[in-house]
Amino acid sequence: MEKSEKILIFTIVFLIVFSIGTAIVVRTIDEFKSNESDLTPFIIVVFARLFTLIGFLTIIAALFLRGSFKNIEKAKFDILDLEEKIEKAEKEKRGKAP
């Protein structure tokens, strides 16, 4: 993976984490300014957002560690090779059929 690709991936991840984190902080400030006594709905929303963020980061980290970002063009070439094999097999069937 090239350095520019790594920078792009980390920039996208940072922007997503930053936007979700900012939303949580803004919502927290608004909630405490409103002085409501029941914080249960707020806590549920915050934990849902945190778990979503953790899940997203886990998926990205797992894909990165498996090497999914190293050769993203490989799948395309595998499909093209498979298509060529299928076409050759079909031509052979047509040539053998009476």
PDB file of N, CA and C in Angstrom:
ATOM      1  N   MET A   1       0.845  -1.168   0.000  1.00  0.00           N
ATOM      2  CA  MET A   1       0.000   0.000   0.000  1.00  0.00           C
ATOM      3  C   MET A   1       0.894   1.237   0.000  1.00  0.00           C
ATOM      4  N   GLU A   2       0.551   2.161  -0.850  1.00  0.00           N
ATOM      5  CA  GLU A   2       1.333   3.378  -0.965  1.00  0.00           C
ATOM      6  C   GLU A   2       1.047   4.324   0.191  1.00  0.00           C
ATOM      7  N   LYS A   3       1.971   5.238   0.393  1.00  0.00           N
ATOM      8  CA  LYS A   3       1.839   6.187   1.494  1.00  0.00           C
ATOM      9  C   LYS A   3       0.599   7.058   1.313  1.00  0.00           C
ATOM     10  N   SER A   4       0.302   7.460   0.084  1.00  0.00           N
ATOM     11  CA  SER A   4      -0.868   8.312  -0.165  1.00  0.00           C
ATOM     12  C   SER A   4      -2.164   7.574   0.159  1.00  0.00           C
ATOM     13  N   GLU A   5      -2.214   6.266  -0.109  1.00  0.00           N
ATOM     14  CA  GLU A   5      -3.398   5.480   0.219  1.00  0.00           C
ATOM     15  C   GLU A   5      -3.580   5.381   1.725  1.00  0.00           C
ATOM     16  N   LYS A   6      -2.480   5.181   2.448  1.00  0.00           N
ATOM     17  CA  LYS A   6      -2.561   5.127   3.914  1.00  0.00           C
ATOM     18  C   LYS A   6      -3.055   6.446   4.474  1.00  0.00           C
ATOM     19  N   ILE A   7      -2.547   7.539   3.944  1.00  0.00           N
ATOM     20  CA  ILE A   7      -2.969   8.850   4.425  1.00  0.00           C
ATOM     21  C   ILE A   7      -4.457   9.061   4.163  1.00  0.00           C
ATOM     22  N   LEU A   8      -4.930   8.645   2.994  1.00  0.00           N
ATOM     23  CA  LEU A   8      -6.343   8.777   2.659  1.00  0.00           C
ATOM     24  C   LEU A   8      -7.212   7.964   3.616  1.00  0.00           C
ATOM     25  N   ILE A   9      -6.838   6.719   3.866  1.00  0.00           N
ATOM     26  CA  ILE A   9      -7.609   5.864   4.767  1.00  0.00           C
ATOM     27  C   ILE A   9      -7.652   6.450   6.166  1.00  0.00           C
ATOM     28  N   PHE A  10      -6.500   6.859   6.688  1.00  0.00           N
ATOM     29  CA  PHE A  10      -6.470   7.415   8.032  1.00  0.00           C
ATOM     30  C   PHE A  10      -7.217   8.747   8.113  1.00  0.00           C
ATOM     31  N   THR A  11      -7.207   9.525   7.046  1.00  0.00           N
ATOM     32  CA  THR A  11      -7.956  10.782   7.033  1.00  0.00           C
ATOM     33  C   THR A  11      -9.457  10.517   7.093  1.00  0.00           C
ATOM     34  N   ILE A  12      -9.926   9.556   6.326  1.00  0.00           N
ATOM     35  CA  ILE A  12     -11.350   9.215   6.338  1.00  0.00           C
ATOM     36  C   ILE A  12     -11.762   8.694   7.709  1.00  0.00           C
ATOM     37  N   VAL A  13     -10.958   7.807   8.278  1.00  0.00           N
ATOM     38  CA  VAL A  13     -11.269   7.275   9.611  1.00  0.00           C
ATOM     39  C   VAL A  13     -11.284   8.405  10.632  1.00  0.00           C
ATOM     40  N   PHE A  14     -10.299   9.293  10.571  1.00  0.00           N
ATOM     41  CA  PHE A  14     -10.253  10.407  11.515  1.00  0.00           C
ATOM     42  C   PHE A  14     -11.483  11.293  11.384  1.00  0.00           C
ATOM     43  N   LEU A  15     -11.898  11.594  10.161  1.00  0.00           N
ATOM     44  CA  LEU A  15     -13.072  12.451   9.966  1.00  0.00           C
ATOM     45  C   LEU A  15     -14.340  11.814  10.520  1.00  0.00           C
ATOM     46  N   ILE A  16     -14.484  10.518  10.333  1.00  0.00           N
ATOM     47  CA  ILE A  16     -15.663   9.834  10.861  1.00  0.00           C
ATOM     48  C   ILE A  16     -15.638   9.835  12.382  1.00  0.00           C
ATOM     49  N   VAL A  17     -14.500   9.502  12.968  1.00  0.00           N
ATOM     50  CA  VAL A  17     -14.379   9.494  14.425  1.00  0.00           C
ATOM     51  C   VAL A  17     -14.589  10.899  14.981  1.00  0.00           C
ATOM     52  N   PHE A  18     -14.016  11.889  14.336  1.00  0.00           N
ATOM     53  CA  PHE A  18     -14.157  13.267  14.801  1.00  0.00           C
ATOM     54  C   PHE A  18     -15.607  13.730  14.735  1.00  0.00           C
ATOM     55  N   SER A  19     -16.307  13.408  13.654  1.00  0.00           N
ATOM     56  CA  SER A  19     -17.699  13.852  13.517  1.00  0.00           C
ATOM     57  C   SER A  19     -18.607  13.186  14.551  1.00  0.00           C
ATOM     58  N   ILE A  20     -18.421  11.897  14.775  1.00  0.00           N
ATOM     59  CA  ILE A  20     -19.243  11.219  15.779  1.00  0.00           C
ATOM     60  C   ILE A  20     -18.891  11.723  17.174  1.00  0.00           C
ATOM     61  N   GLY A  21     -17.603  11.910  17.446  1.00  0.00           N
ATOM     62  CA  GLY A  21     -17.190  12.434  18.746  1.00  0.00           C
ATOM     63  C   GLY A  21     -17.727  13.828  18.990  1.00  0.00           C
ATOM     64  N   THR A  22     -17.707  14.667  17.963  1.00  0.00           N
ATOM     65  CA  THR A  22     -18.250  16.018  18.090  1.00  0.00           C
ATOM     66  C   THR A  22     -19.745  15.977  18.369  1.00  0.00           C
ATOM     67  N   ALA A  23     -20.458  15.088  17.682  1.00  0.00           N
ATOM     68  CA  ALA A  23     -21.902  14.964  17.925  1.00  0.00           C
ATOM     69  C   ALA A  23     -22.182  14.537  19.359  1.00  0.00           C
ATOM     70  N   ILE A  24     -21.387  13.630  19.888  1.00  0.00           N
ATOM     71  CA  ILE A  24     -21.578  13.184  21.270  1.00  0.00           C
ATOM     72  C   ILE A  24     -21.309  14.327  22.241  1.00  0.00           C
ATOM     73  N   VAL A  25     -20.246  15.075  22.022  1.00  0.00           N
ATOM     74  CA  VAL A  25     -19.910  16.179  22.923  1.00  0.00           C
ATOM     75  C   VAL A  25     -20.975  17.270  22.878  1.00  0.00           C
ATOM     76  N   VAL A  26     -21.427  17.629  21.686  1.00  0.00           N
ATOM     77  CA  VAL A  26     -22.457  18.664  21.554  1.00  0.00           C
ATOM     78  C   VAL A  26     -23.743  18.218  22.229  1.00  0.00           C
ATOM     79  N   ARG A  27     -24.123  16.990  22.009  1.00  0.00           N
ATOM     80  CA  ARG A  27     -25.351  16.466  22.633  1.00  0.00           C
ATOM     81  C   ARG A  27     -25.205  16.434  24.153  1.00  0.00           C
ATOM     82  N   THR A  28     -24.034  16.085  24.654  1.00  0.00           N
ATOM     83  CA  THR A  28     -23.802  16.060  26.093  1.00  0.00           C
ATOM     84  C   THR A  28     -23.936  17.455  26.687  1.00  0.00           C
ATOM     85  N   ILE A  29     -23.349  18.446  26.045  1.00  0.00           N
ATOM     86  CA  ILE A  29     -23.439  19.824  26.535  1.00  0.00           C
ATOM     87  C   ILE A  29     -24.891  20.294  26.529  1.00  0.00           C
ATOM     88  N   ASP A  30     -25.625  20.019  25.458  1.00  0.00           N
ATOM     89  CA  ASP A  30     -27.034  20.407  25.391  1.00  0.00           C
ATOM     90  C   ASP A  30     -27.859  19.728  26.475  1.00  0.00           C
ATOM     91  N   GLU A  31     -27.572  18.475  26.723  1.00  0.00           N
ATOM     92  CA  GLU A  31     -28.333  17.716  27.719  1.00  0.00           C
ATOM     93  C   GLU A  31     -28.106  18.275  29.121  1.00  0.00           C
ATOM     94  N   PHE A  32     -26.874  18.620  29.436  1.00  0.00           N
ATOM     95  CA  PHE A  32     -26.602  19.148  30.770  1.00  0.00           C
ATOM     96  C   PHE A  32     -27.083  20.588  30.927  1.00  0.00           C
ATOM     97  N   LYS A  33     -27.190  21.337  29.845  1.00  0.00           N
ATOM     98  CA  LYS A  33     -27.747  22.687  29.913  1.00  0.00           C
ATOM     99  C   LYS A  33     -29.253  22.665  30.141  1.00  0.00           C
ATOM    100  N   SER A  34     -29.916  21.626  29.669  1.00  0.00           N
ATOM    101  CA  SER A  34     -31.376  21.556  29.798  1.00  0.00           C
ATOM    102  C   SER A  34     -31.809  21.210  31.219  1.00  0.00           C
ATOM    103  N   ASN A  35     -30.930  20.680  32.043  1.00  0.00           N
ATOM    104  CA  ASN A  35     -31.198  20.362  33.452  1.00  0.00           C
ATOM    105  C   ASN A  35     -32.362  19.395  33.640  1.00  0.00           C
ATOM    106  N   GLU A  36     -32.515  18.450  32.737  1.00  0.00           N
ATOM    107  CA  GLU A  36     -33.551  17.431  32.918  1.00  0.00           C
ATOM    108  C   GLU A  36     -33.073  16.421  33.943  1.00  0.00           C
ATOM    109  N   SER A  37     -34.016  15.895  34.718  1.00  0.00           N
ATOM    110  CA  SER A  37     -33.635  14.962  35.773  1.00  0.00           C
ATOM    111  C   SER A  37     -33.458  13.543  35.247  1.00  0.00           C
ATOM    112  N   ASP A  38     -34.166  13.194  34.167  1.00  0.00           N
ATOM    113  CA  ASP A  38     -34.078  11.836  33.626  1.00  0.00           C
ATOM    114  C   ASP A  38     -33.073  11.802  32.480  1.00  0.00           C
ATOM    115  N   LEU A  39     -31.917  11.212  32.737  1.00  0.00           N
ATOM    116  CA  LEU A  39     -30.865  11.138  31.725  1.00  0.00           C
ATOM    117  C   LEU A  39     -30.824   9.784  31.008  1.00  0.00           C
ATOM    118  N   THR A  40     -31.768   8.904  31.284  1.00  0.00           N
ATOM    119  CA  THR A  40     -31.742   7.563  30.700  1.00  0.00           C
ATOM    120  C   THR A  40     -31.752   7.584  29.170  1.00  0.00           C
ATOM    121  N   PRO A  41     -32.663   8.320  28.519  1.00  0.00           N
ATOM    122  CA  PRO A  41     -32.637   8.330  27.043  1.00  0.00           C
ATOM    123  C   PRO A  41     -31.320   8.877  26.484  1.00  0.00           C
ATOM    124  N   PHE A  42     -30.798   9.887  27.150  1.00  0.00           N
ATOM    125  CA  PHE A  42     -29.533  10.472  26.713  1.00  0.00           C
ATOM    126  C   PHE A  42     -28.398   9.468  26.822  1.00  0.00           C
ATOM    127  N   ILE A  43     -28.330   8.752  27.930  1.00  0.00           N
ATOM    128  CA  ILE A  43     -27.270   7.763  28.143  1.00  0.00           C
ATOM    129  C   ILE A  43     -27.370   6.643  27.117  1.00  0.00           C
ATOM    130  N   ILE A  44     -28.586   6.233  26.786  1.00  0.00           N
ATOM    131  CA  ILE A  44     -28.774   5.186  25.781  1.00  0.00           C
ATOM    132  C   ILE A  44     -28.254   5.652  24.419  1.00  0.00           C
ATOM    133  N   VAL A  45     -28.554   6.890  24.049  1.00  0.00           N
ATOM    134  CA  VAL A  45     -28.090   7.429  22.773  1.00  0.00           C
ATOM    135  C   VAL A  45     -26.569   7.525  22.743  1.00  0.00           C
ATOM    136  N   VAL A  46     -25.977   7.985  23.837  1.00  0.00           N
ATOM    137  CA  VAL A  46     -24.520   8.125  23.885  1.00  0.00           C
ATOM    138  C   VAL A  46     -23.853   6.754  23.764  1.00  0.00           C
ATOM    139  N   PHE A  47     -24.353   5.764  24.485  1.00  0.00           N
ATOM    140  CA  PHE A  47     -23.754   4.433  24.390  1.00  0.00           C
ATOM    141  C   PHE A  47     -23.970   3.819  23.010  1.00  0.00           C
ATOM    142  N   ALA A  48     -25.107   4.074  22.396  1.00  0.00           N
ATOM    143  CA  ALA A  48     -25.342   3.564  21.037  1.00  0.00           C
ATOM    144  C   ALA A  48     -24.338   4.172  20.066  1.00  0.00           C
ATOM    145  N   ARG A  49     -24.092   5.463  20.201  1.00  0.00           N
ATOM    146  CA  ARG A  49     -23.126   6.112  19.319  1.00  0.00           C
ATOM    147  C   ARG A  49     -21.711   5.611  19.586  1.00  0.00           C
ATOM    148  N   LEU A  50     -21.382   5.425  20.853  1.00  0.00           N
ATOM    149  CA  LEU A  50     -20.045   4.925  21.183  1.00  0.00           C
ATOM    150  C   LEU A  50     -19.831   3.512  20.651  1.00  0.00           C
ATOM    151  N   PHE A  51     -20.830   2.647  20.816  1.00  0.00           N
ATOM    152  CA  PHE A  51     -20.697   1.280  20.308  1.00  0.00           C
ATOM    153  C   PHE A  51     -20.618   1.268  18.786  1.00  0.00           C
ATOM    154  N   THR A  52     -21.358   2.163  18.130  1.00  0.00           N
ATOM    155  CA  THR A  52     -21.262   2.275  16.683  1.00  0.00           C
ATOM    156  C   THR A  52     -19.858   2.698  16.269  1.00  0.00           C
ATOM    157  N   LEU A  53     -19.322   3.661  16.963  1.00  0.00           N
ATOM    158  CA  LEU A  53     -17.970   4.137  16.680  1.00  0.00           C
ATOM    159  C   LEU A  53     -16.939   3.046  16.918  1.00  0.00           C
ATOM    160  N   ILE A  54     -17.057   2.340  18.031  1.00  0.00           N
ATOM    161  CA  ILE A  54     -16.126   1.249  18.341  1.00  0.00           C
ATOM    162  C   ILE A  54     -16.247   0.130  17.301  1.00  0.00           C
ATOM    163  N   GLY A  55     -17.468  -0.179  16.895  1.00  0.00           N
ATOM    164  CA  GLY A  55     -17.679  -1.205  15.877  1.00  0.00           C
ATOM    165  C   GLY A  55     -17.055  -0.820  14.556  1.00  0.00           C
ATOM    166  N   PHE A  56     -17.249   0.430  14.150  1.00  0.00           N
ATOM    167  CA  PHE A  56     -16.650   0.922  12.911  1.00  0.00           C
ATOM    168  C   PHE A  56     -15.129   0.821  12.970  1.00  0.00           C
ATOM    169  N   LEU A  57     -14.554   1.279  14.058  1.00  0.00           N
ATOM    170  CA  LEU A  57     -13.097   1.231  14.199  1.00  0.00           C
ATOM    171  C   LEU A  57     -12.580  -0.208  14.213  1.00  0.00           C
ATOM    172  N   THR A  58     -13.331  -1.108  14.832  1.00  0.00           N
ATOM    173  CA  THR A  58     -12.944  -2.512  14.874  1.00  0.00           C
ATOM    174  C   THR A  58     -12.940  -3.117  13.471  1.00  0.00           C
ATOM    175  N   ILE A  59     -13.962  -2.822  12.701  1.00  0.00           N
ATOM    176  CA  ILE A  59     -14.033  -3.347  11.334  1.00  0.00           C
ATOM    177  C   ILE A  59     -12.889  -2.808  10.478  1.00  0.00           C
ATOM    178  N   ILE A  60     -12.637  -1.517  10.558  1.00  0.00           N
ATOM    179  CA  ILE A  60     -11.548  -0.922   9.785  1.00  0.00           C
ATOM    180  C   ILE A  60     -10.205  -1.513  10.215  1.00  0.00           C
ATOM    181  N   ALA A  61      -9.999  -1.653  11.529  1.00  0.00           N
ATOM    182  CA  ALA A  61      -8.732  -2.212  12.019  1.00  0.00           C
ATOM    183  C   ALA A  61      -8.561  -3.659  11.565  1.00  0.00           C
ATOM    184  N   ALA A  62      -9.635  -4.457  11.626  1.00  0.00           N
ATOM    185  CA  ALA A  62      -9.549  -5.853  11.201  1.00  0.00           C
ATOM    186  C   ALA A  62      -9.227  -5.948   9.708  1.00  0.00           C
ATOM    187  N   LEU A  63      -9.886  -5.133   8.901  1.00  0.00           N
ATOM    188  CA  LEU A  63      -9.608  -5.142   7.465  1.00  0.00           C
ATOM    189  C   LEU A  63      -8.182  -4.695   7.179  1.00  0.00           C
ATOM    190  N   PHE A  64      -7.724  -3.707   7.906  1.00  0.00           N
ATOM    191  CA  PHE A  64      -6.368  -3.212   7.705  1.00  0.00           C
ATOM    192  C   PHE A  64      -5.338  -4.272   8.086  1.00  0.00           C
ATOM    193  N   LEU A  65      -5.569  -4.956   9.223  1.00  0.00           N
ATOM    194  CA  LEU A  65      -4.624  -5.974   9.686  1.00  0.00           C
ATOM    195  C   LEU A  65      -4.635  -7.217   8.791  1.00  0.00           C
ATOM    196  N   ARG A  66      -5.762  -7.530   8.190  1.00  0.00           N
ATOM    197  CA  ARG A  66      -5.838  -8.673   7.265  1.00  0.00           C
ATOM    198  C   ARG A  66      -5.191  -8.372   5.926  1.00  0.00           C
ATOM    199  N   GLY A  67      -4.959  -7.108   5.665  1.00  0.00           N
ATOM    200  CA  GLY A  67      -4.330  -6.737   4.405  1.00  0.00           C
ATOM    201  C   GLY A  67      -5.316  -6.469   3.295  1.00  0.00           C
ATOM    202  N   SER A  68      -6.550  -6.182   3.636  1.00  0.00           N
ATOM    203  CA  SER A  68      -7.564  -5.937   2.614  1.00  0.00           C
ATOM    204  C   SER A  68      -7.295  -4.678   1.804  1.00  0.00           C
ATOM    205  N   PHE A  69      -6.523  -3.765   2.345  1.00  0.00           N
ATOM    206  CA  PHE A  69      -6.239  -2.527   1.639  1.00  0.00           C
ATOM    207  C   PHE A  69      -4.933  -2.592   0.852  1.00  0.00           C
ATOM    208  N   LYS A  70      -4.241  -3.722   0.900  1.00  0.00           N
ATOM    209  CA  LYS A  70      -2.947  -3.819   0.216  1.00  0.00           C
ATOM    210  C   LYS A  70      -3.107  -3.921  -1.289  1.00  0.00           C
ATOM    211  N   ASN A  71      -3.988  -4.790  -1.751  1.00  0.00           N
ATOM    212  CA  ASN A  71      -4.144  -4.992  -3.190  1.00  0.00           C
ATOM    213  C   ASN A  71      -5.637  -5.027  -3.508  1.00  0.00           C
ATOM    214  N   ILE A  72      -6.223  -3.857  -3.619  1.00  0.00           N
ATOM    215  CA  ILE A  72      -7.663  -3.805  -3.841  1.00  0.00           C
ATOM    216  C   ILE A  72      -8.041  -4.124  -5.286  1.00  0.00           C
ATOM    217  N   GLU A  73      -7.082  -4.146  -6.182  1.00  0.00           N
ATOM    218  CA  GLU A  73      -7.340  -4.456  -7.582  1.00  0.00           C
ATOM    219  C   GLU A  73      -7.362  -5.968  -7.844  1.00  0.00           C
ATOM    220  N   LYS A  74      -6.910  -6.773  -6.891  1.00  0.00           N
ATOM    221  CA  LYS A  74      -6.809  -8.220  -7.081  1.00  0.00           C
ATOM    222  C   LYS A  74      -8.166  -8.839  -7.388  1.00  0.00           C
ATOM    223  N   ALA A  75      -9.193  -8.410  -6.703  1.00  0.00           N
ATOM    224  CA  ALA A  75     -10.526  -8.987  -6.919  1.00  0.00           C
ATOM    225  C   ALA A  75     -10.998  -8.763  -8.362  1.00  0.00           C
ATOM    226  N   LYS A  76     -10.700  -7.605  -8.891  1.00  0.00           N
ATOM    227  CA  LYS A  76     -11.093  -7.301 -10.271  1.00  0.00           C
ATOM    228  C   LYS A  76     -10.407  -8.246 -11.250  1.00  0.00           C
ATOM    229  N   PHE A  77      -9.120  -8.449 -11.066  1.00  0.00           N
ATOM    230  CA  PHE A  77      -8.385  -9.325 -11.966  1.00  0.00           C
ATOM    231  C   PHE A  77      -8.804 -10.790 -11.800  1.00  0.00           C
ATOM    232  N   ASP A  78      -9.141 -11.186 -10.578  1.00  0.00           N
ATOM    233  CA  ASP A  78      -9.636 -12.548 -10.359  1.00  0.00           C
ATOM    234  C   ASP A  78     -10.940 -12.779 -11.110  1.00  0.00           C
ATOM    235  N   ILE A  79     -11.828 -11.799 -11.084  1.00  0.00           N
ATOM    236  CA  ILE A  79     -13.105 -11.926 -11.790  1.00  0.00           C
ATOM    237  C   ILE A  79     -12.878 -11.979 -13.302  1.00  0.00           C
ATOM    238  N   LEU A  80     -11.968 -11.158 -13.800  1.00  0.00           N
ATOM    239  CA  LEU A  80     -11.673 -11.181 -15.245  1.00  0.00           C
ATOM    240  C   LEU A  80     -11.067 -12.517 -15.671  1.00  0.00           C
ATOM    241  N   ASP A  81     -10.169 -13.064 -14.855  1.00  0.00           N
ATOM    242  CA  ASP A  81      -9.598 -14.384 -15.150  1.00  0.00           C
ATOM    243  C   ASP A  81     -10.670 -15.464 -15.138  1.00  0.00           C
ATOM    244  N   LEU A  82     -11.566 -15.395 -14.171  1.00  0.00           N
ATOM    245  CA  LEU A  82     -12.648 -16.368 -14.091  1.00  0.00           C
ATOM    246  C   LEU A  82     -13.551 -16.277 -15.319  1.00  0.00           C
ATOM    247  N   GLU A  83     -13.834 -15.051 -15.772  1.00  0.00           N
ATOM    248  CA  GLU A  83     -14.659 -14.868 -16.951  1.00  0.00           C
ATOM    249  C   GLU A  83     -13.991 -15.481 -18.187  1.00  0.00           C
ATOM    250  N   GLU A  84     -12.689 -15.298 -18.314  1.00  0.00           N
ATOM    251  CA  GLU A  84     -11.975 -15.900 -19.444  1.00  0.00           C
ATOM    252  C   GLU A  84     -12.046 -17.420 -19.393  1.00  0.00           C
ATOM    253  N   LYS A  85     -11.895 -18.007 -18.206  1.00  0.00           N
ATOM    254  CA  LYS A  85     -11.979 -19.466 -18.069  1.00  0.00           C
ATOM    255  C   LYS A  85     -13.365 -19.972 -18.450  1.00  0.00           C
ATOM    256  N   ILE A  86     -14.395 -19.235 -18.023  1.00  0.00           N
ATOM    257  CA  ILE A  86     -15.765 -19.643 -18.357  1.00  0.00           C
ATOM    258  C   ILE A  86     -16.000 -19.564 -19.860  1.00  0.00           C
ATOM    259  N   GLU A  87     -15.515 -18.498 -20.490  1.00  0.00           N
ATOM    260  CA  GLU A  87     -15.672 -18.362 -21.940  1.00  0.00           C
ATOM    261  C   GLU A  87     -14.951 -19.484 -22.688  1.00  0.00           C
ATOM    262  N   LYS A  88     -13.749 -19.848 -22.244  1.00  0.00           N
ATOM    263  CA  LYS A  88     -13.014 -20.947 -22.881  1.00  0.00           C
ATOM    264  C   LYS A  88     -13.767 -22.264 -22.722  1.00  0.00           C
ATOM    265  N   ALA A  89     -14.320 -22.498 -21.528  1.00  0.00           N
ATOM    266  CA  ALA A  89     -15.074 -23.730 -21.293  1.00  0.00           C
ATOM    267  C   ALA A  89     -16.325 -23.777 -22.165  1.00  0.00           C
ATOM    268  N   GLU A  90     -16.996 -22.647 -22.339  1.00  0.00           N
ATOM    269  CA  GLU A  90     -18.186 -22.607 -23.190  1.00  0.00           C
ATOM    270  C   GLU A  90     -17.825 -22.848 -24.652  1.00  0.00           C
ATOM    271  N   LYS A  91     -16.709 -22.301 -25.115  1.00  0.00           N
ATOM    272  CA  LYS A  91     -16.271 -22.522 -26.497  1.00  0.00           C
ATOM    273  C   LYS A  91     -15.931 -23.989 -26.726  1.00  0.00           C
ATOM    274  N   GLU A  92     -15.297 -24.615 -25.738  1.00  0.00           N
ATOM    275  CA  GLU A  92     -14.965 -26.029 -25.864  1.00  0.00           C
ATOM    276  C   GLU A  92     -16.222 -26.883 -25.915  1.00  0.00           C
ATOM    277  N   LYS A  93     -17.227 -26.524 -25.119  1.00  0.00           N
ATOM    278  CA  LYS A  93     -18.499 -27.268 -25.141  1.00  0.00           C
ATOM    279  C   LYS A  93     -19.192 -27.134 -26.495  1.00  0.00           C
ATOM    280  N   ARG A  94     -19.179 -25.930 -27.034  1.00  0.00           N
ATOM    281  CA  ARG A  94     -19.810 -25.708 -28.334  1.00  0.00           C
ATOM    282  C   ARG A  94     -19.066 -26.443 -29.437  1.00  0.00           C
ATOM    283  N   GLY A  95     -17.738 -26.520 -29.312  1.00  0.00           N
ATOM    284  CA  GLY A  95     -16.948 -27.218 -30.326  1.00  0.00           C
ATOM    285  C   GLY A  95     -17.124 -28.722 -30.256  1.00  0.00           C
ATOM    286  N   LYS A  96     -17.397 -29.283 -29.095  1.00  0.00           N
ATOM    287  CA  LYS A  96     -17.576 -30.721 -28.926  1.00  0.00           C
ATOM    288  C   LYS A  96     -19.007 -31.147 -29.196  1.00  0.00           C
ATOM    289  N   ALA A  97     -19.969 -30.232 -29.099  1.00  0.00           N
ATOM    290  CA  ALA A  97     -21.373 -30.597 -29.299  1.00  0.00           C
ATOM    291  C   ALA A  97     -21.619 -30.883 -30.778  1.00  0.00           C
ATOM    292  N   PRO A  98     -22.490 -31.892 -31.087  1.00  0.00           N
ATOM    293  CA  PRO A  98     -22.766 -32.242 -32.499  1.00  0.00           C
ATOM    294  C   PRO A  98     -23.542 -31.208 -33.231  1.00  0.00           C
TER     295      PRO A  98
END
